[in-house]
Amino acid sequence: MSFYFKTSRLLVSRCNSIALQVPKNVRNIKRWVAPTLRELNKRSKNVSSNEEIQKRSTFIEWNYNSEVFAFGKRLQENFNLVTLQRAFVHSSFITQEENRQKQLGIENPEIMLQDNDSLITAGQRLLFDYVTAFLEHSLPKVPDEGIRAFTTYLTSISNLAVISKNLGTFDLILSDNIDDLTLANTLLALIGALHESSGDEKTYLFVRDFICTQLNQKDLYEIWEISSPFESLRSYCLQNKLAVPECRIIGETAKNTVLSAFHVGIYSKKILIGQGFGEDVETAIQTASIKALRKFYGISDNMRPFDFRIKLENKYSEKVKLNG
């Protein structure tokens, strides 16, 4: 009897040891964890959607002067502290404070603040000059139409607002309403304040590092869409004393069906300058014209990356003086 008892205990211990051996690649997470986390995430989204984002300035330990000083040091720029503080003050905030004091019974309210309107105007001019000069140097073959399209993209309100918010200006802005336009104007004011504090070289480096770099790894043709590619190609050939481009069908398949495809090449004096595909001949011609223009303008898919190490003193100083 004792033999069978000992054997049964040995079998039970071995079964328990086998059951407790969990493979190393198994996480062994309980089944209730995933649905619980999903439900908590769903509830948190429902709650947060109805709450406004609290600004950091509403916290008790907030020190505005210290935060403004730390902002300039985080950017590793030597701002004049008074000018930097003025860059965050919008005229709407001053108007709001004056109305609030009048409601409290103060007849002649005095706000010891100066708005950033002049800094915004100066920053807008400097931004346009530096971005245009950088693009003209980096893309010398692109016509003025393309330079304007790229400049418009880099200096757009939406792009500047994203950059401004990522730099951490949201909590420092003094305005009655903080939207994309306010964020973009704050960034322009910072550019004007930096120019007053540190001069042309530092201001250009700031624009180059934070704004011009937005073109990195971007498809330039998505930003600049040519309306009439073949007509633009014809104009380019005439201006550069090249033969008038001619279109030739290189190949076609599944003609007169929904799966038709045409291969068109564009020649200039019997030299193939571009080729493209399309569901009809017109589309293939437009595609081939776009590829030819991108090759002529130097913005093809295998173009050399932008050089973001160029300095102002040896490339742009004369250009900026002319635009200034």
Protein backbone atom coordinates (compact mmCIF):
# COMPACT_ATOMS: atom_id res chain seq x y z
CA MET A 1 0.00 0.00 0.00
CA SER A 2 2.85 2.30 0.84
CA PHE A 3 4.41 1.59 -2.57
CA TYR A 4 1.34 2.83 -4.46
CA PHE A 5 1.08 5.86 -2.17
CA LYS A 6 4.66 6.86 -2.81
CA THR A 7 4.22 6.33 -6.57
CA SER A 8 1.09 8.51 -6.69
CA ARG A 9 2.81 11.32 -4.76
CA LEU A 10 5.75 11.16 -7.17
CA LEU A 11 3.43 11.41 -10.19
CA VAL A 12 1.55 14.36 -8.70
CA SER A 13 4.77 16.23 -7.93
CA ARG A 14 6.03 15.68 -11.49
CA CYS A 15 2.75 16.89 -12.97
CA ASN A 16 2.86 20.02 -10.85
CA SER A 17 6.43 20.74 -11.90
CA ILE A 18 5.49 20.35 -15.57
CA ALA A 19 2.47 22.64 -15.16
CA LEU A 20 4.56 25.31 -13.49
CA GLN A 21 7.16 25.33 -16.26
CA VAL A 22 6.14 28.26 -18.47
CA PRO A 23 8.02 28.83 -21.74
CA LYS A 24 10.30 31.84 -21.71
CA ASN A 25 8.63 33.47 -24.74
CA VAL A 26 5.15 33.46 -23.12
CA ARG A 27 4.21 36.64 -21.21
CA ASN A 28 1.63 34.83 -19.03
CA ILE A 29 -0.71 37.87 -18.83
CA LYS A 30 -4.16 37.24 -17.43
CA ARG A 31 -7.13 37.39 -19.77
CA TRP A 32 -8.79 40.24 -17.89
CA VAL A 33 -5.85 42.65 -18.36
CA ALA A 34 -6.39 43.57 -22.05
CA PRO A 35 -10.16 44.28 -21.88
CA THR A 36 -9.67 46.22 -18.64
CA LEU A 37 -7.01 48.45 -20.17
CA ARG A 38 -9.16 49.02 -23.25
CA GLU A 39 -12.10 50.04 -21.10
CA LEU A 40 -9.95 52.41 -19.01
CA ASN A 41 -8.51 53.99 -22.15
CA LYS A 42 -12.00 54.47 -23.56
CA ARG A 43 -13.23 56.11 -20.36
CA SER A 44 -10.18 58.39 -20.15
CA LYS A 45 -10.81 59.63 -23.71
CA ASN A 46 -14.44 60.39 -22.90
CA VAL A 47 -13.44 62.38 -19.83
CA SER A 48 -10.51 64.24 -21.40
CA SER A 49 -12.53 65.28 -24.46
CA ASN A 50 -14.75 67.46 -22.28
CA GLU A 51 -11.93 69.10 -20.34
CA GLU A 52 -9.83 72.02 -21.52
CA ILE A 53 -6.07 71.69 -21.49
CA GLN A 54 -4.77 73.55 -18.48
CA LYS A 55 -1.89 75.89 -19.17
CA ARG A 56 1.25 75.43 -17.14
CA SER A 57 0.91 79.04 -15.99
CA THR A 58 -2.19 78.11 -13.94
CA PHE A 59 -0.10 76.01 -11.56
CA ILE A 60 0.76 77.39 -8.12
CA GLU A 61 4.55 77.14 -8.44
CA TRP A 62 4.61 78.99 -11.78
CA ASN A 63 7.26 81.71 -12.09
CA TYR A 64 6.84 83.55 -15.39
CA ASN A 65 10.17 85.42 -15.39
CA SER A 66 12.13 82.26 -14.60
CA GLU A 67 10.31 80.33 -17.32
CA VAL A 68 11.03 83.00 -19.93
CA PHE A 69 14.70 83.05 -18.95
CA ALA A 70 14.86 79.24 -19.12
CA PHE A 71 13.17 79.29 -22.54
CA GLY A 72 15.99 81.35 -24.02
CA LYS A 73 18.62 79.10 -22.45
CA ARG A 74 16.94 75.96 -23.79
CA LEU A 75 17.28 77.38 -27.29
CA GLN A 76 20.93 78.21 -26.52
CA GLU A 77 20.40 81.78 -27.67
CA ASN A 78 21.48 85.01 -25.98
CA PHE A 79 18.20 86.92 -25.87
CA ASN A 80 17.81 90.27 -24.23
CA LEU A 81 15.43 89.33 -21.42
CA VAL A 82 13.23 92.42 -21.80
CA THR A 83 12.96 91.92 -25.57
CA LEU A 84 12.23 88.21 -25.12
CA GLN A 85 9.41 88.95 -22.68
CA ARG A 86 7.95 91.47 -25.11
CA ALA A 87 7.92 88.80 -27.84
CA PHE A 88 5.27 86.86 -25.92
CA VAL A 89 2.94 89.80 -25.22
CA HIS A 90 0.21 90.25 -27.83
CA SER A 91 -1.89 93.37 -28.21
CA SER A 92 -5.08 91.43 -27.45
CA PHE A 93 -3.75 90.66 -23.96
CA ILE A 94 -3.10 94.35 -23.24
CA THR A 95 -6.62 95.24 -24.43
CA GLN A 96 -8.06 92.50 -22.25
CA GLU A 97 -6.20 93.76 -19.17
CA GLU A 98 -7.29 97.35 -19.80
CA ASN A 99 -10.95 96.28 -20.04
CA ARG A 100 -10.63 94.23 -16.88
CA GLN A 101 -9.22 97.19 -14.95
CA LYS A 102 -11.98 99.45 -16.25
CA GLN A 103 -14.55 96.97 -15.00
CA LEU A 104 -12.94 97.18 -11.58
CA GLY A 105 -13.45 100.95 -11.53
CA ILE A 106 -10.02 102.17 -12.68
CA GLU A 107 -10.62 105.10 -15.02
CA ASN A 108 -7.13 105.37 -16.54
CA PRO A 109 -5.64 101.88 -16.50
CA GLU A 110 -1.89 101.66 -16.95
CA ILE A 111 -0.44 98.45 -18.35
CA MET A 112 3.33 98.40 -18.01
CA LEU A 113 3.68 96.13 -21.02
CA GLN A 114 4.57 96.62 -24.67
CA ASP A 115 3.09 94.44 -27.38
CA ASN A 116 5.06 92.49 -29.97
CA ASP A 117 3.56 93.99 -33.14
CA SER A 118 6.83 95.59 -34.26
CA LEU A 119 8.74 92.35 -33.56
CA ILE A 120 6.23 90.37 -35.63
CA THR A 121 6.67 92.72 -38.60
CA ALA A 122 10.47 92.56 -38.37
CA GLY A 123 10.45 88.77 -37.92
CA GLN A 124 8.20 88.27 -40.93
CA ARG A 125 10.54 90.26 -43.16
CA LEU A 126 13.64 88.47 -41.85
CA LEU A 127 12.02 85.06 -42.21
CA PHE A 128 11.09 85.71 -45.84
CA ASP A 129 14.58 86.98 -46.66
CA TYR A 130 16.45 84.09 -45.06
CA VAL A 131 14.18 81.36 -46.40
CA THR A 132 14.21 82.78 -49.94
CA ALA A 133 18.00 83.13 -49.91
CA PHE A 134 18.44 79.59 -48.59
CA LEU A 135 16.14 78.13 -51.26
CA GLU A 136 17.72 80.09 -54.10
CA HIS A 137 21.14 78.82 -53.10
CA SER A 138 20.06 75.22 -52.49
CA LEU A 139 17.84 74.99 -55.60
CA PRO A 140 19.54 77.21 -58.20
CA LYS A 141 17.75 75.63 -61.18
CA VAL A 142 14.23 75.97 -59.82
CA PRO A 143 12.33 78.94 -61.30
CA ASP A 144 10.82 81.74 -59.23
CA GLU A 145 7.44 80.03 -59.24
CA GLY A 146 8.87 77.02 -57.41
CA ILE A 147 10.84 79.16 -54.96
CA ARG A 148 7.66 81.06 -54.09
CA ALA A 149 5.76 77.80 -53.57
CA PHE A 150 8.42 76.42 -51.21
CA THR A 151 8.67 79.73 -49.36
CA THR A 152 4.90 79.84 -48.94
CA TYR A 153 4.96 76.33 -47.50
CA LEU A 154 7.73 77.07 -45.00
CA THR A 155 6.24 80.39 -43.89
CA SER A 156 2.63 79.20 -43.73
CA ILE A 157 0.67 79.73 -40.52
CA SER A 158 0.11 76.01 -39.97
CA ASN A 159 3.81 75.17 -40.33
CA LEU A 160 4.96 78.03 -38.10
CA ALA A 161 2.32 77.15 -35.49
CA VAL A 162 3.56 73.57 -35.21
CA ILE A 163 7.17 74.74 -34.85
CA SER A 164 6.22 77.35 -32.29
CA LYS A 165 4.24 74.88 -30.18
CA ASN A 166 7.04 72.31 -30.29
CA LEU A 167 9.49 74.94 -29.05
CA GLY A 168 7.35 75.38 -25.94
CA THR A 169 5.82 78.82 -26.48
CA PHE A 170 2.25 77.79 -25.62
CA ASP A 171 2.56 78.30 -21.86
CA LEU A 172 4.45 81.59 -22.18
CA ILE A 173 2.14 83.41 -24.58
CA LEU A 174 0.11 86.28 -23.14
CA SER A 175 -3.01 86.56 -25.31
CA ASP A 176 -6.77 86.38 -24.93
CA ASN A 177 -6.95 83.44 -27.35
CA ILE A 178 -4.16 81.07 -28.40
CA ASP A 179 -4.77 79.66 -31.88
CA ASP A 180 -2.52 78.81 -34.82
CA LEU A 181 -2.23 82.46 -35.86
CA THR A 182 -1.13 83.47 -32.36
CA LEU A 183 1.46 80.68 -32.23
CA ALA A 184 2.82 81.63 -35.67
CA ASN A 185 3.01 85.33 -34.76
CA THR A 186 4.84 84.45 -31.55
CA LEU A 187 7.49 82.60 -33.54
CA LEU A 188 7.86 85.60 -35.85
CA ALA A 189 8.22 87.84 -32.80
CA LEU A 190 10.94 85.54 -31.45
CA ILE A 191 12.83 85.89 -34.73
CA GLY A 192 12.59 89.68 -34.47
CA ALA A 193 13.66 89.59 -30.81
CA LEU A 194 16.65 87.38 -31.62
CA HIS A 195 17.71 89.76 -34.38
CA GLU A 196 17.61 92.70 -31.97
CA SER A 197 19.56 90.75 -29.36
CA SER A 198 22.16 88.81 -31.38
CA GLY A 199 22.22 90.12 -34.97
CA ASP A 200 21.99 88.58 -38.43
CA GLU A 201 24.17 85.48 -38.02
CA LYS A 202 22.36 84.02 -35.02
CA THR A 203 18.96 84.86 -36.50
CA TYR A 204 19.77 83.11 -39.76
CA LEU A 205 21.02 80.01 -37.91
CA PHE A 206 17.77 79.93 -35.95
CA VAL A 207 15.68 80.12 -39.14
CA ARG A 208 17.85 77.55 -40.89
CA ASP A 209 17.79 75.03 -38.05
CA PHE A 210 14.11 75.25 -37.08
CA ILE A 211 12.26 76.32 -40.24
CA CYS A 212 14.28 75.44 -43.35
CA THR A 213 14.83 71.92 -42.03
CA GLN A 214 11.10 71.26 -42.50
CA LEU A 215 11.94 70.47 -46.15
CA ASN A 216 14.13 67.54 -45.13
CA GLN A 217 12.95 64.25 -46.72
CA LYS A 218 9.91 65.94 -48.24
CA ASP A 219 8.69 65.33 -51.79
CA LEU A 220 9.10 68.81 -53.24
CA TYR A 221 6.67 68.13 -56.07
CA GLU A 222 3.89 67.54 -53.53
CA ILE A 223 4.53 71.08 -52.29
CA TRP A 224 4.93 72.64 -55.73
CA GLU A 225 2.39 71.23 -58.17
CA ILE A 226 2.87 72.43 -61.74
CA SER A 227 -0.47 73.14 -63.37
CA SER A 228 0.55 72.60 -67.04
CA PRO A 229 3.65 70.38 -67.11
CA PHE A 230 4.02 70.02 -70.88
CA GLU A 231 3.59 73.76 -71.52
CA SER A 232 6.14 74.48 -68.77
CA LEU A 233 8.53 72.01 -70.37
CA ARG A 234 8.09 73.69 -73.76
CA SER A 235 8.80 77.10 -72.21
CA TYR A 236 11.89 75.75 -70.45
CA CYS A 237 13.26 74.31 -73.71
CA LEU A 238 12.70 77.59 -75.56
CA GLN A 239 14.36 79.65 -72.80
CA ASN A 240 17.40 77.36 -72.69
CA LYS A 241 17.73 77.14 -76.51
CA LEU A 242 16.73 73.47 -76.69
CA ALA A 243 14.72 71.87 -79.46
CA VAL A 244 10.94 71.89 -79.09
CA PRO A 245 9.91 68.72 -77.18
CA GLU A 246 8.03 66.05 -79.09
CA CYS A 247 5.92 63.18 -77.69
CA ARG A 248 6.18 59.63 -78.96
CA ILE A 249 4.35 56.49 -77.85
CA ILE A 250 6.96 53.92 -76.80
CA GLY A 251 4.54 51.16 -75.88
CA GLU A 252 0.92 50.40 -75.12
CA THR A 253 -1.10 47.51 -73.76
CA ALA A 254 -4.76 46.58 -73.24
CA LYS A 255 -5.90 49.37 -75.54
CA ASN A 256 -9.63 50.22 -75.44
CA THR A 257 -10.09 48.43 -72.12
CA VAL A 258 -10.35 49.56 -68.51
CA LEU A 259 -6.81 48.23 -67.91
CA SER A 260 -5.16 50.19 -70.71
CA ALA A 261 -1.65 51.52 -70.16
CA PHE A 262 0.47 53.78 -72.35
CA HIS A 263 4.21 54.41 -72.24
CA VAL A 264 5.11 57.83 -73.68
CA GLY A 265 8.53 59.35 -74.18
CA ILE A 266 9.38 63.02 -74.75
CA TYR A 267 12.27 63.80 -77.07
CA SER A 268 14.20 66.95 -77.76
CA LYS A 269 16.26 66.74 -80.92
CA LYS A 270 16.07 62.93 -80.84
CA ILE A 271 17.27 62.83 -77.22
CA LEU A 272 14.99 61.22 -74.64
CA ILE A 273 14.45 63.76 -71.87
CA GLY A 274 11.54 62.12 -70.05
CA GLN A 275 9.18 59.17 -70.07
CA GLY A 276 6.04 58.24 -68.19
CA PHE A 277 3.09 55.89 -67.95
CA GLY A 278 -0.65 56.53 -67.78
CA GLU A 279 -4.10 55.08 -68.40
CA ASP A 280 -4.39 57.30 -71.48
CA VAL A 281 -1.99 59.16 -73.73
CA GLU A 282 -2.65 62.58 -72.15
CA THR A 283 -1.89 61.33 -68.64
CA ALA A 284 1.28 59.64 -69.82
CA ILE A 285 2.44 62.88 -71.50
CA GLN A 286 1.86 64.87 -68.31
CA THR A 287 3.75 62.27 -66.25
CA ALA A 288 6.67 62.29 -68.67
CA SER A 289 6.73 66.10 -68.67
CA ILE A 290 6.84 66.19 -64.87
CA LYS A 291 9.76 63.77 -64.77
CA ALA A 292 11.64 65.81 -67.38
CA LEU A 293 11.06 69.05 -65.46
CA ARG A 294 12.15 67.51 -62.17
CA LYS A 295 15.37 66.38 -63.80
CA PHE A 296 16.01 69.80 -65.32
CA TYR A 297 15.19 71.62 -62.06
CA GLY A 298 17.34 69.30 -59.95
CA ILE A 299 14.50 68.08 -57.68
CA SER A 300 14.32 64.47 -58.78
CA ASP A 301 13.86 61.57 -56.37
CA ASN A 302 17.61 60.99 -56.13
CA MET A 303 18.52 64.64 -55.61
CA ARG A 304 21.29 65.57 -53.22
CA PRO A 305 19.99 66.32 -49.70
CA PHE A 306 19.81 69.92 -48.52
CA ASP A 307 22.95 71.26 -46.91
CA PHE A 308 21.87 72.65 -43.54
CA ARG A 309 25.43 73.62 -42.55
CA ILE A 310 25.72 76.71 -44.76
CA LYS A 311 26.41 79.89 -42.82
CA LEU A 312 25.20 83.39 -43.48
CA GLU A 313 28.50 85.24 -43.73
CA ASN A 314 29.78 83.46 -46.82
CA LYS A 315 26.54 82.82 -48.71
CA TYR A 316 23.63 85.08 -47.82
CA SER A 317 24.91 88.35 -46.37
CA GLU A 318 24.76 90.20 -49.70
CA LYS A 319 21.33 88.75 -50.52
CA VAL A 320 19.87 89.73 -47.17
CA LYS A 321 21.23 93.28 -47.46
CA LEU A 322 19.61 93.63 -50.86
CA ASN A 323 16.26 92.40 -49.55
CA GLY A 324 16.52 94.39 -46.37
